[in-house]
N, C-alpha and C. Protein backbone atom coordinates (compact mmCIF):
# COMPACT_ATOMS: atom_id res chain seq x y z
N MET A 1 -267.07 -15.30 -68.19
CA MET A 1 -267.90 -14.54 -67.28
C MET A 1 -269.30 -14.35 -67.84
N LYS A 2 -269.40 -14.15 -69.15
CA LYS A 2 -270.71 -13.96 -69.75
C LYS A 2 -271.56 -15.22 -69.64
N SER A 3 -270.93 -16.38 -69.72
CA SER A 3 -271.71 -17.61 -69.63
C SER A 3 -272.28 -17.80 -68.22
N ILE A 4 -271.54 -17.37 -67.20
CA ILE A 4 -272.05 -17.47 -65.84
C ILE A 4 -273.24 -16.53 -65.66
N LEU A 5 -273.15 -15.34 -66.21
CA LEU A 5 -274.25 -14.37 -66.12
C LEU A 5 -275.47 -14.89 -66.87
N LYS A 6 -275.26 -15.45 -68.05
CA LYS A 6 -276.37 -16.02 -68.81
C LYS A 6 -277.03 -17.17 -68.04
N ALA A 7 -276.21 -18.00 -67.42
CA ALA A 7 -276.74 -19.13 -66.65
C ALA A 7 -277.56 -18.64 -65.45
N ALA A 8 -277.08 -17.59 -64.80
CA ALA A 8 -277.81 -17.04 -63.65
C ALA A 8 -279.15 -16.45 -64.08
N VAL A 9 -279.15 -15.72 -65.19
CA VAL A 9 -280.39 -15.13 -65.70
C VAL A 9 -281.36 -16.22 -66.11
N LEU A 10 -280.88 -17.25 -66.77
CA LEU A 10 -281.73 -18.35 -67.19
C LEU A 10 -282.32 -19.08 -65.98
N ALA A 11 -281.51 -19.28 -64.95
CA ALA A 11 -282.00 -19.93 -63.74
C ALA A 11 -283.07 -19.09 -63.06
N ALA A 12 -282.88 -17.76 -63.05
CA ALA A 12 -283.88 -16.88 -62.45
C ALA A 12 -285.18 -16.92 -63.24
N ILE A 13 -285.09 -16.94 -64.55
CA ILE A 13 -286.29 -16.99 -65.40
C ILE A 13 -287.06 -18.28 -65.16
N ILE A 14 -286.36 -19.36 -64.97
CA ILE A 14 -287.01 -20.64 -64.73
C ILE A 14 -287.58 -20.72 -63.32
N ALA A 15 -286.90 -20.13 -62.34
CA ALA A 15 -287.32 -20.23 -60.94
C ALA A 15 -288.53 -19.37 -60.62
N VAL A 16 -288.69 -18.23 -61.24
CA VAL A 16 -289.78 -17.31 -60.91
C VAL A 16 -291.16 -17.94 -61.11
N PRO A 17 -291.46 -18.58 -62.24
CA PRO A 17 -292.79 -19.21 -62.36
C PRO A 17 -293.00 -20.34 -61.36
N ALA A 18 -291.97 -21.06 -61.02
CA ALA A 18 -292.12 -22.15 -60.06
C ALA A 18 -292.46 -21.61 -58.68
N VAL A 19 -291.85 -20.51 -58.28
CA VAL A 19 -292.12 -19.92 -56.98
C VAL A 19 -293.54 -19.35 -56.95
N SER A 20 -293.95 -18.67 -58.01
CA SER A 20 -295.29 -18.09 -58.04
C SER A 20 -296.36 -19.18 -58.05
N PHE A 21 -296.11 -20.30 -58.71
CA PHE A 21 -297.05 -21.41 -58.71
C PHE A 21 -297.19 -22.00 -57.32
N ALA A 22 -296.09 -22.09 -56.58
CA ALA A 22 -296.14 -22.62 -55.22
C ALA A 22 -296.97 -21.73 -54.32
N GLN A 23 -296.92 -20.41 -54.53
CA GLN A 23 -297.71 -19.50 -53.71
C GLN A 23 -299.19 -19.66 -54.00
N VAL A 24 -299.57 -19.88 -55.23
CA VAL A 24 -300.97 -20.04 -55.58
C VAL A 24 -301.54 -21.29 -54.93
N GLN A 25 -300.76 -22.33 -54.84
CA GLN A 25 -301.24 -23.59 -54.29
C GLN A 25 -301.51 -23.51 -52.79
N THR A 26 -300.90 -22.57 -52.06
CA THR A 26 -301.08 -22.49 -50.62
C THR A 26 -302.24 -21.60 -50.21
N GLN A 27 -302.92 -20.98 -51.15
CA GLN A 27 -304.04 -20.10 -50.80
C GLN A 27 -305.24 -20.92 -50.37
N GLN A 28 -306.15 -20.25 -49.63
CA GLN A 28 -307.35 -20.91 -49.16
C GLN A 28 -308.32 -21.16 -50.32
N GLN A 29 -309.33 -21.95 -50.04
CA GLN A 29 -310.36 -22.24 -51.03
C GLN A 29 -311.14 -20.97 -51.34
N PRO A 30 -311.70 -20.84 -52.52
CA PRO A 30 -312.49 -19.66 -52.85
C PRO A 30 -313.74 -19.57 -51.98
N VAL A 31 -314.17 -18.36 -51.75
CA VAL A 31 -315.35 -18.12 -50.92
C VAL A 31 -316.60 -18.33 -51.77
N THR A 32 -317.58 -19.01 -51.22
CA THR A 32 -318.81 -19.25 -51.96
C THR A 32 -319.75 -18.06 -51.83
N ARG A 33 -320.73 -18.00 -52.69
CA ARG A 33 -321.72 -16.93 -52.66
C ARG A 33 -322.51 -16.96 -51.34
N ALA A 34 -322.81 -18.14 -50.86
CA ALA A 34 -323.54 -18.28 -49.59
C ALA A 34 -322.72 -17.74 -48.43
N GLN A 35 -321.41 -17.96 -48.45
CA GLN A 35 -320.55 -17.44 -47.39
C GLN A 35 -320.52 -15.92 -47.42
N VAL A 36 -320.46 -15.33 -48.60
CA VAL A 36 -320.44 -13.88 -48.73
C VAL A 36 -321.76 -13.29 -48.22
N ARG A 37 -322.86 -13.92 -48.58
CA ARG A 37 -324.17 -13.43 -48.12
C ARG A 37 -324.30 -13.54 -46.61
N ALA A 38 -323.80 -14.63 -46.02
CA ALA A 38 -323.86 -14.80 -44.57
C ALA A 38 -323.01 -13.75 -43.87
N GLU A 39 -321.84 -13.46 -44.42
CA GLU A 39 -320.98 -12.44 -43.83
C GLU A 39 -321.64 -11.06 -43.92
N LEU A 40 -322.25 -10.76 -45.04
CA LEU A 40 -322.95 -9.48 -45.20
C LEU A 40 -324.11 -9.36 -44.22
N ALA A 41 -324.83 -10.46 -44.00
CA ALA A 41 -325.93 -10.45 -43.03
C ALA A 41 -325.40 -10.20 -41.63
N GLN A 42 -324.26 -10.78 -41.28
CA GLN A 42 -323.65 -10.53 -39.97
C GLN A 42 -323.24 -9.07 -39.83
N LEU A 43 -322.67 -8.50 -40.89
CA LEU A 43 -322.25 -7.10 -40.84
C LEU A 43 -323.45 -6.17 -40.71
N ARG A 44 -324.52 -6.47 -41.43
CA ARG A 44 -325.73 -5.65 -41.31
C ARG A 44 -326.32 -5.74 -39.91
N ALA A 45 -326.30 -6.92 -39.33
CA ALA A 45 -326.80 -7.08 -37.97
C ALA A 45 -325.94 -6.31 -36.96
N ALA A 46 -324.67 -6.12 -37.30
CA ALA A 46 -323.76 -5.39 -36.42
C ALA A 46 -323.81 -3.88 -36.65
N GLY A 47 -324.66 -3.44 -37.59
CA GLY A 47 -324.83 -2.01 -37.79
C GLY A 47 -324.29 -1.46 -39.09
N TYR A 48 -323.79 -2.30 -39.97
CA TYR A 48 -323.26 -1.82 -41.25
C TYR A 48 -324.41 -1.50 -42.20
N ASP A 49 -324.33 -0.33 -42.82
CA ASP A 49 -325.32 0.09 -43.81
C ASP A 49 -324.60 0.27 -45.14
N PRO A 50 -324.81 -0.62 -46.11
CA PRO A 50 -324.10 -0.50 -47.38
C PRO A 50 -324.50 0.74 -48.18
N ASN A 51 -325.61 1.36 -47.84
CA ASN A 51 -326.03 2.56 -48.56
C ASN A 51 -325.42 3.84 -47.99
N ASP A 52 -324.74 3.76 -46.86
CA ASP A 52 -324.11 4.92 -46.24
C ASP A 52 -322.69 5.07 -46.78
N TRP A 53 -322.57 5.56 -47.99
CA TRP A 53 -321.27 5.68 -48.63
C TRP A 53 -320.48 6.87 -48.12
N MET A 54 -321.11 7.79 -47.40
CA MET A 54 -320.39 8.96 -46.86
C MET A 54 -319.44 8.55 -45.73
N HIS A 55 -319.76 7.48 -45.03
CA HIS A 55 -318.94 7.03 -43.91
C HIS A 55 -318.41 5.62 -44.16
N TYR A 56 -318.11 5.32 -45.43
CA TYR A 56 -317.80 3.94 -45.81
C TYR A 56 -316.67 3.29 -45.02
N PRO A 57 -315.51 3.80 -44.98
CA PRO A 57 -314.48 3.01 -44.30
C PRO A 57 -314.77 2.83 -42.80
N GLU A 58 -315.30 3.88 -42.19
CA GLU A 58 -315.51 3.81 -40.75
C GLU A 58 -316.62 2.84 -40.38
N ASN A 59 -317.75 2.89 -41.12
CA ASN A 59 -318.89 2.06 -40.69
C ASN A 59 -318.64 0.57 -40.91
N ILE A 60 -317.95 0.19 -41.97
CA ILE A 60 -317.71 -1.25 -42.16
C ILE A 60 -316.63 -1.75 -41.19
N GLN A 61 -315.66 -0.89 -40.89
CA GLN A 61 -314.63 -1.30 -39.93
C GLN A 61 -315.23 -1.48 -38.53
N ALA A 62 -316.15 -0.60 -38.17
CA ALA A 62 -316.80 -0.72 -36.86
C ALA A 62 -317.65 -1.99 -36.81
N ALA A 63 -318.37 -2.28 -37.90
CA ALA A 63 -319.20 -3.48 -37.94
C ALA A 63 -318.33 -4.74 -37.90
N GLU A 64 -317.21 -4.73 -38.62
CA GLU A 64 -316.31 -5.89 -38.59
C GLU A 64 -315.74 -6.10 -37.20
N ALA A 65 -315.42 -5.01 -36.51
CA ALA A 65 -314.90 -5.12 -35.14
C ALA A 65 -315.95 -5.72 -34.22
N LYS A 66 -317.22 -5.33 -34.40
CA LYS A 66 -318.30 -5.89 -33.58
C LYS A 66 -318.47 -7.38 -33.86
N VAL A 67 -318.42 -7.76 -35.12
CA VAL A 67 -318.57 -9.18 -35.49
C VAL A 67 -317.42 -9.99 -34.89
N GLU A 68 -316.20 -9.48 -34.99
CA GLU A 68 -315.06 -10.20 -34.44
C GLU A 68 -315.16 -10.30 -32.92
N ALA A 69 -315.64 -9.25 -32.28
CA ALA A 69 -315.82 -9.28 -30.82
C ALA A 69 -316.86 -10.32 -30.43
N GLN A 70 -317.93 -10.42 -31.22
CA GLN A 70 -318.97 -11.42 -30.94
C GLN A 70 -318.43 -12.83 -31.14
N ARG A 71 -317.61 -13.01 -32.16
CA ARG A 71 -317.02 -14.34 -32.39
C ARG A 71 -316.11 -14.72 -31.25
N GLY A 72 -315.34 -13.76 -30.75
CA GLY A 72 -314.44 -14.04 -29.63
C GLY A 72 -315.20 -14.33 -28.36
N ALA A 73 -316.34 -13.67 -28.16
CA ALA A 73 -317.12 -13.86 -26.94
C ALA A 73 -317.84 -15.20 -26.95
N THR A 74 -318.23 -15.69 -28.12
CA THR A 74 -318.98 -16.94 -28.20
C THR A 74 -318.07 -18.15 -28.32
N GLY A 75 -316.81 -17.93 -28.69
CA GLY A 75 -315.89 -19.04 -28.83
C GLY A 75 -315.89 -19.64 -30.23
N TYR A 76 -316.68 -19.09 -31.14
CA TYR A 76 -316.69 -19.60 -32.50
C TYR A 76 -315.66 -18.84 -33.33
N GLY A 77 -315.28 -19.44 -34.44
CA GLY A 77 -314.34 -18.78 -35.33
C GLY A 77 -312.92 -19.18 -35.02
N PRO A 78 -311.97 -18.64 -35.78
CA PRO A 78 -310.58 -19.01 -35.60
C PRO A 78 -310.01 -18.43 -34.31
N SER A 79 -308.94 -19.03 -33.84
CA SER A 79 -308.28 -18.55 -32.63
C SER A 79 -307.64 -17.20 -32.92
N THR A 80 -307.76 -16.28 -31.97
CA THR A 80 -307.15 -14.96 -32.14
C THR A 80 -305.87 -14.85 -31.35
N SER A 81 -305.49 -15.89 -30.63
CA SER A 81 -304.24 -15.86 -29.88
C SER A 81 -303.32 -16.93 -30.44
N GLY A 82 -302.05 -16.79 -30.17
CA GLY A 82 -301.10 -17.79 -30.63
C GLY A 82 -300.13 -17.18 -31.61
N THR A 83 -299.58 -18.00 -32.45
CA THR A 83 -298.58 -17.53 -33.41
C THR A 83 -299.20 -17.39 -34.78
N SER A 84 -298.51 -16.65 -35.61
CA SER A 84 -298.96 -16.50 -36.98
C SER A 84 -297.77 -16.65 -37.90
N GLN A 85 -298.04 -16.95 -39.15
CA GLN A 85 -296.99 -17.09 -40.14
C GLN A 85 -297.12 -16.00 -41.17
N SER A 86 -296.00 -15.55 -41.67
CA SER A 86 -295.98 -14.52 -42.70
C SER A 86 -295.39 -15.11 -43.95
N SER A 87 -295.86 -14.64 -45.07
CA SER A 87 -295.35 -15.16 -46.34
C SER A 87 -294.07 -14.46 -46.77
N GLN A 88 -293.60 -13.53 -45.96
CA GLN A 88 -292.41 -12.78 -46.36
C GLN A 88 -291.26 -13.04 -45.46
């Protein structure tokens, strides 16, 4: 019985790094500095003020909602309808 338990523990130890490596490979490409600056410019145009730290969560969420609404109205950006996949 102990050998079966040892074999199961050893298999789990070997499987965990393989599973975590597979998850890393499916992630998107890293965001470039230019992409971050463009997104910040869009948020500022939508009303986000990075210096307004008193209303931080609300003001950036409102600006993000405006940007997403503009993307949906213009037809640019990813599709917001359809199916989605979960990693869990």
